[in-house]
Amino acid sequence: MRVFELDARLYTDWIPELWLGRRTKMTNDSRLASSGTRRSAITARALASAILVGLVAAVPAGAQTGNGFLFHEPNATFSFRVGYSRANAASDLFALQQKQLTIGPRGFDALSLGADLGFTVSRRLDVGVSVDGTTRSHGSEYRDWLDNNNLPIKQTTSLSTFGVTTNLKYNFRDRGRAISNFAWIPSHYVPYIGVGAGVIRYDFTQKGDFIDFQTNVVNSDQLNASNWGAMAQVFSGVSYTLSPRYSLLTEARYTLSSATLNKDYIELGRIDLSGLSLNVGTSIRF
């Protein structure tokens, strides 16, 4: 009976100690687990911060500040074009040159240069300003005449133009799409058409030897005419995205214009300044 009581006392004394030991162990384990969780959270935050710093460092400086168009839709475009201008050359001035001199029908075709500045008006509509210029120079001689030494009677004929127009351009596709509030992705290609109106200036010059058909005397001279005239343009092209900021463009542009001749060519009426130009170029969004 005493043994039983002793065993019972030992048993009853051991259970609380065992239970308290377990609670103490569980409490310590919980504390260790909680401490480990906090350390893991701190480590995860540190790792996330390091990754964020790395990503920010990898972004170009312009994009970090938000000035790059990748963070917003661009609202303006600047383009530069170069191409070949095929002149109509339909007026009396050009007919006379081709009849008397060795200048063929394509003798007044020229190199064309152009630049455009456009601003977004709506999702697919732009307004802008364009400047266009052409220049050509052609050596020639009289077809049916020689000088007293049986040598060709030569001259150089040049024609240059400079035009300024205001334009309205319609894009057949959206220029791009916004991704949330922080990025804008341009479309791969955007076909477009447009119209424009403005003014053009020409400078027509001939320098060399000329025949006075009243006396059949050959004289050296420089003849010139220059003036302003009205012009209209229609154009169509496609813009191909090269990078988020830059695009390649191909374009056809027709100019309709004529102007009054003056100075040494006043008797020939007007000069035809119309023609078709085929261009390639590049544009930048900003």
Protein backbone atom coordinates (compact mmCIF):
# COMPACT_ATOMS: atom_id res chain seq x y z
CA MET A 1 0.00 0.00 0.00
CA ARG A 2 2.82 2.38 0.74
CA VAL A 3 4.54 1.38 -2.43
CA PHE A 4 1.40 2.20 -4.34
CA GLU A 5 1.07 5.51 -2.64
CA LEU A 6 4.72 6.22 -3.26
CA ASP A 7 4.35 5.29 -6.87
CA ALA A 8 1.23 7.37 -7.06
CA ARG A 9 3.01 10.35 -5.58
CA LEU A 10 5.90 9.83 -7.93
CA TYR A 11 3.50 9.54 -10.80
CA THR A 12 1.53 12.59 -9.79
CA ASP A 13 4.71 14.51 -9.20
CA TRP A 14 6.17 13.47 -12.59
CA ILE A 15 3.17 14.38 -14.75
CA PRO A 16 3.22 18.14 -14.01
CA GLU A 17 6.96 18.20 -14.54
CA LEU A 18 6.53 16.33 -17.79
CA TRP A 19 3.71 18.62 -18.86
CA LEU A 20 5.59 21.73 -17.83
CA GLY A 21 8.63 20.40 -19.64
CA ARG A 22 6.62 19.84 -22.76
CA ARG A 23 5.04 23.30 -22.51
CA THR A 24 8.46 24.82 -21.96
CA LYS A 25 9.83 22.91 -24.95
CA MET A 26 6.81 23.87 -27.08
CA THR A 27 7.16 27.49 -25.99
CA ASN A 28 10.86 27.47 -26.86
CA ASP A 29 10.13 25.78 -30.19
CA SER A 30 7.45 28.36 -30.92
CA ARG A 31 9.83 31.13 -30.07
CA LEU A 32 12.49 29.60 -32.27
CA ALA A 33 9.97 29.15 -35.09
CA SER A 34 8.72 32.71 -34.68
CA SER A 35 12.30 33.97 -34.64
CA GLY A 36 13.06 31.90 -37.74
CA THR A 37 9.95 33.29 -39.46
CA ARG A 38 11.00 36.84 -38.64
CA ARG A 39 14.49 36.14 -39.92
CA SER A 40 13.04 34.62 -43.10
CA ALA A 41 10.77 37.63 -43.58
CA ILE A 42 13.69 40.01 -43.04
CA THR A 43 15.79 37.98 -45.47
CA ALA A 44 12.97 37.97 -48.06
CA ARG A 45 12.52 41.73 -47.74
CA ALA A 46 16.24 42.27 -48.07
CA LEU A 47 16.34 40.05 -51.15
CA ALA A 48 13.34 41.85 -52.69
CA SER A 49 14.98 45.19 -51.99
CA ALA A 50 18.20 44.02 -53.62
CA ILE A 51 16.31 42.81 -56.70
CA LEU A 52 14.40 46.10 -56.90
CA VAL A 53 17.62 48.10 -56.65
CA GLY A 54 19.13 45.94 -59.37
CA LEU A 55 16.16 46.44 -61.67
CA VAL A 56 16.14 50.19 -61.11
CA ALA A 57 19.86 50.32 -61.83
CA ALA A 58 19.31 48.38 -65.04
CA VAL A 59 16.67 50.81 -66.35
CA PRO A 60 18.08 53.70 -68.43
CA ALA A 61 18.31 56.99 -66.64
CA GLY A 62 15.69 58.60 -68.86
CA ALA A 63 13.22 55.84 -68.10
CA GLN A 64 13.85 56.04 -64.36
CA THR A 65 12.84 59.66 -64.32
CA GLY A 66 9.72 58.97 -66.34
CA ASN A 67 10.85 61.21 -69.20
CA GLY A 68 11.11 58.29 -71.61
CA PHE A 69 8.04 57.71 -73.74
CA LEU A 70 7.85 54.11 -72.53
CA PHE A 71 6.15 55.52 -69.44
CA HIS A 72 3.54 57.46 -71.42
CA GLU A 73 2.10 57.68 -74.91
CA PRO A 74 4.22 60.00 -77.11
CA ASN A 75 2.43 63.12 -78.29
CA ALA A 76 4.77 64.30 -81.06
CA THR A 77 6.89 62.87 -83.88
CA PHE A 78 9.79 64.27 -85.88
CA SER A 79 10.65 62.71 -89.25
CA PHE A 80 13.39 63.16 -91.82
CA ARG A 81 12.97 61.97 -95.42
CA VAL A 82 15.19 61.60 -98.47
CA GLY A 83 14.15 60.40 -101.91
CA TYR A 84 13.73 60.85 -105.63
CA SER A 85 11.46 63.54 -107.11
CA ARG A 86 10.00 62.92 -110.56
CA ALA A 87 9.10 66.29 -112.06
CA ASN A 88 6.06 66.78 -114.28
CA ALA A 89 7.92 69.50 -116.25
CA ALA A 90 4.77 70.25 -118.25
CA SER A 91 5.04 74.02 -118.76
CA ASP A 92 6.37 75.98 -121.77
CA LEU A 93 9.67 76.68 -120.02
CA PHE A 94 10.56 73.00 -119.86
CA ALA A 95 9.25 72.32 -123.37
CA LEU A 96 11.57 75.02 -124.72
CA GLN A 97 14.56 73.61 -122.81
CA GLN A 98 13.95 70.13 -124.19
CA LYS A 99 13.49 71.42 -127.73
CA GLN A 100 16.58 73.65 -127.91
CA LEU A 101 18.94 71.93 -125.46
CA THR A 102 20.07 68.39 -124.79
CA ILE A 103 17.85 68.05 -121.73
CA GLY A 104 15.59 65.01 -121.84
CA PRO A 105 12.15 64.48 -120.26
CA ARG A 106 13.78 63.32 -117.01
CA GLY A 107 16.35 66.10 -117.00
CA PHE A 108 14.56 67.96 -114.21
CA ASP A 109 14.11 65.01 -111.86
CA ALA A 110 15.87 65.70 -108.58
CA LEU A 111 17.01 64.66 -105.15
CA SER A 112 14.32 65.48 -102.59
CA LEU A 113 14.73 66.16 -98.88
CA GLY A 114 11.98 66.64 -96.32
CA ALA A 115 11.25 66.96 -92.62
CA ASP A 116 8.00 66.69 -90.69
CA LEU A 117 6.93 67.68 -87.19
CA GLY A 118 3.61 66.17 -86.15
CA PHE A 119 1.43 66.43 -83.05
CA THR A 120 -1.21 64.01 -81.83
CA VAL A 121 -4.78 65.32 -82.02
CA SER A 122 -6.75 62.13 -81.42
CA ARG A 123 -6.24 58.39 -81.34
CA ARG A 124 -5.45 58.26 -85.09
CA LEU A 125 -5.22 61.87 -86.25
CA ASP A 126 -2.12 64.09 -86.38
CA VAL A 127 -1.54 67.69 -87.42
CA GLY A 128 1.87 68.99 -88.36
CA VAL A 129 4.22 71.06 -90.44
CA SER A 130 6.41 69.82 -93.31
CA VAL A 131 9.30 71.36 -95.19
CA ASP A 132 10.38 69.93 -98.55
CA GLY A 133 13.18 70.81 -100.88
CA THR A 134 14.52 69.62 -104.22
CA THR A 135 17.62 70.48 -106.18
CA ARG A 136 18.83 69.50 -109.63
CA SER A 137 21.57 70.67 -111.97
CA HIS A 138 21.97 69.54 -115.57
CA GLY A 139 24.71 70.23 -118.07
CA SER A 140 23.49 70.78 -121.63
CA GLU A 141 24.30 72.17 -125.06
CA TYR A 142 22.36 73.38 -128.08
CA ARG A 143 21.06 70.50 -130.19
CA ASP A 144 21.44 72.05 -133.65
CA TRP A 145 24.07 74.73 -133.21
CA LEU A 146 27.85 75.00 -132.87
CA ASP A 147 30.04 78.02 -132.27
CA ASN A 148 32.52 79.51 -134.74
CA ASN A 149 35.07 76.86 -133.76
CA ASN A 150 32.61 74.02 -134.36
CA LEU A 151 32.43 73.43 -130.63
CA PRO A 152 29.27 72.78 -128.63
CA ILE A 153 27.56 75.78 -127.07
CA LYS A 154 27.25 74.70 -123.46
CA GLN A 155 25.38 75.84 -120.38
CA THR A 156 24.33 74.54 -116.97
CA THR A 157 20.68 74.56 -115.94
CA SER A 158 19.64 74.27 -112.30
CA LEU A 159 16.32 74.28 -110.51
CA SER A 160 15.74 74.25 -106.77
CA THR A 161 12.53 74.43 -104.75
CA PHE A 162 11.66 74.92 -101.10
CA GLY A 163 8.15 74.40 -99.75
CA VAL A 164 6.40 74.70 -96.38
CA THR A 165 3.02 73.08 -95.70
CA THR A 166 0.65 72.41 -92.83
CA ASN A 167 -0.61 68.83 -92.84
CA LEU A 168 -3.39 66.62 -91.59
CA LYS A 169 -2.48 62.92 -91.30
CA TYR A 170 -4.74 59.95 -90.62
CA ASN A 171 -3.30 56.66 -89.30
CA PHE A 172 -5.14 53.49 -90.32
CA ARG A 173 -4.01 51.72 -87.13
CA ASP A 174 -3.52 52.81 -83.54
CA ARG A 175 0.03 54.05 -82.99
CA GLY A 176 0.41 51.69 -80.03
CA ARG A 177 -1.19 50.50 -76.82
CA ALA A 178 -0.80 51.36 -73.17
CA ILE A 179 0.16 48.72 -70.62
CA SER A 180 -1.35 49.80 -67.28
CA ASN A 181 -0.27 53.34 -66.44
CA PHE A 182 3.46 52.85 -66.76
CA ALA A 183 4.29 51.66 -70.27
CA TRP A 184 3.32 52.29 -73.87
CA ILE A 185 4.18 49.84 -76.67
CA PRO A 186 4.20 51.06 -80.31
CA SER A 187 2.50 49.11 -83.08
CA HIS A 188 4.77 47.13 -85.37
CA TYR A 189 3.62 49.10 -88.43
CA VAL A 190 1.17 51.93 -89.09
CA PRO A 191 -0.05 52.84 -92.61
CA TYR A 192 -1.22 56.42 -93.11
CA ILE A 193 -2.46 59.02 -95.58
CA GLY A 194 -2.41 62.80 -95.43
CA VAL A 195 -3.04 66.12 -97.14
CA GLY A 196 -1.29 69.46 -96.85
CA ALA A 197 -1.33 73.02 -98.18
CA GLY A 198 1.23 75.79 -98.14
CA VAL A 199 3.68 77.82 -100.21
CA ILE A 200 6.67 77.00 -102.39
CA ARG A 201 9.61 78.99 -103.71
CA TYR A 202 11.58 78.11 -106.81
CA ASP A 203 14.89 79.32 -108.24
CA PHE A 204 15.57 78.58 -111.92
CA THR A 205 19.02 79.52 -113.22
CA GLN A 206 20.91 78.98 -116.49
CA LYS A 207 24.57 79.89 -116.76
CA GLY A 208 26.79 79.51 -119.81
CA ASP A 209 26.72 80.45 -123.50
CA PHE A 210 23.51 81.41 -125.28
CA ILE A 211 22.57 82.27 -128.85
CA ASP A 212 20.90 85.54 -129.67
CA PHE A 213 18.67 84.28 -132.47
CA GLN A 214 18.13 87.80 -133.83
CA THR A 215 21.84 88.26 -134.53
CA ASN A 216 23.10 84.64 -134.29
CA VAL A 217 25.76 85.88 -131.86
CA VAL A 218 26.85 83.69 -128.94
CA ASN A 219 27.16 85.45 -125.60
CA SER A 220 28.04 84.29 -122.11
CA ASP A 221 25.28 85.09 -119.67
CA GLN A 222 23.44 84.03 -116.56
CA LEU A 223 19.64 83.93 -116.71
CA ASN A 224 17.41 83.62 -113.70
CA ALA A 225 13.83 83.49 -112.41
CA SER A 226 12.64 83.05 -108.83
CA ASN A 227 9.27 83.47 -107.17
CA TRP A 228 6.74 82.14 -104.64
CA GLY A 229 3.62 80.13 -105.40
CA ALA A 230 0.88 78.15 -103.70
CA MET A 231 1.15 74.39 -103.32
CA ALA A 232 -0.87 71.40 -102.18
CA GLN A 233 0.30 67.91 -101.25
CA VAL A 234 -1.16 64.46 -100.81
CA PHE A 235 0.91 61.66 -99.33
CA SER A 236 0.69 58.07 -98.20
CA GLY A 237 3.12 55.76 -96.47
CA VAL A 238 3.89 53.17 -93.83
CA SER A 239 5.83 53.58 -90.59
CA TYR A 240 7.74 50.49 -89.37
CA THR A 241 8.84 50.36 -85.74
CA LEU A 242 12.58 49.77 -85.25
CA SER A 243 12.61 50.41 -81.49
CA PRO A 244 10.24 52.00 -79.00
CA ARG A 245 11.53 55.42 -79.98
CA TYR A 246 12.57 55.10 -83.64
CA SER A 247 10.73 54.06 -86.79
CA LEU A 248 11.56 53.56 -90.46
CA LEU A 249 9.13 55.07 -92.95
CA THR A 250 8.48 54.69 -96.66
CA GLU A 251 6.33 57.29 -98.37
CA ALA A 252 4.99 58.57 -101.69
CA ARG A 253 4.21 62.30 -101.85
CA TYR A 254 2.63 64.19 -104.74
CA THR A 255 3.04 67.95 -104.98
CA LEU A 256 0.65 70.07 -107.04
CA SER A 257 1.98 73.57 -107.74
CA SER A 258 2.90 76.21 -110.28
CA ALA A 259 4.22 79.76 -110.02
CA THR A 260 4.64 82.82 -112.18
CA LEU A 261 7.90 83.22 -114.12
CA ASN A 262 9.67 86.57 -113.86
CA LYS A 263 12.92 88.34 -114.71
CA ASP A 264 14.60 86.71 -117.74
CA TYR A 265 11.72 84.25 -118.39
CA ILE A 266 8.70 86.48 -117.87
CA GLU A 267 7.40 85.88 -121.41
CA LEU A 268 6.99 82.12 -120.77
CA GLY A 269 4.10 82.51 -118.31
CA ARG A 270 4.24 79.97 -115.46
CA ILE A 271 6.55 77.20 -114.32
CA ASP A 272 5.18 73.78 -113.45
CA LEU A 273 6.46 72.69 -110.03
CA SER A 274 4.33 69.57 -109.65
CA GLY A 275 5.79 66.12 -109.24
CA LEU A 276 5.86 62.81 -107.42
CA SER A 277 8.53 61.99 -104.85
CA LEU A 278 9.33 58.55 -103.42
CA ASN A 279 10.97 58.74 -100.01
CA VAL A 280 12.48 56.70 -97.22
CA GLY A 281 13.30 58.09 -93.83
CA THR A 282 13.29 57.77 -90.09
CA SER A 283 11.12 59.22 -87.34
CA ILE A 284 11.52 59.69 -83.61
CA ARG A 285 8.72 59.75 -81.06
CA PHE A 286 8.81 62.03 -78.04
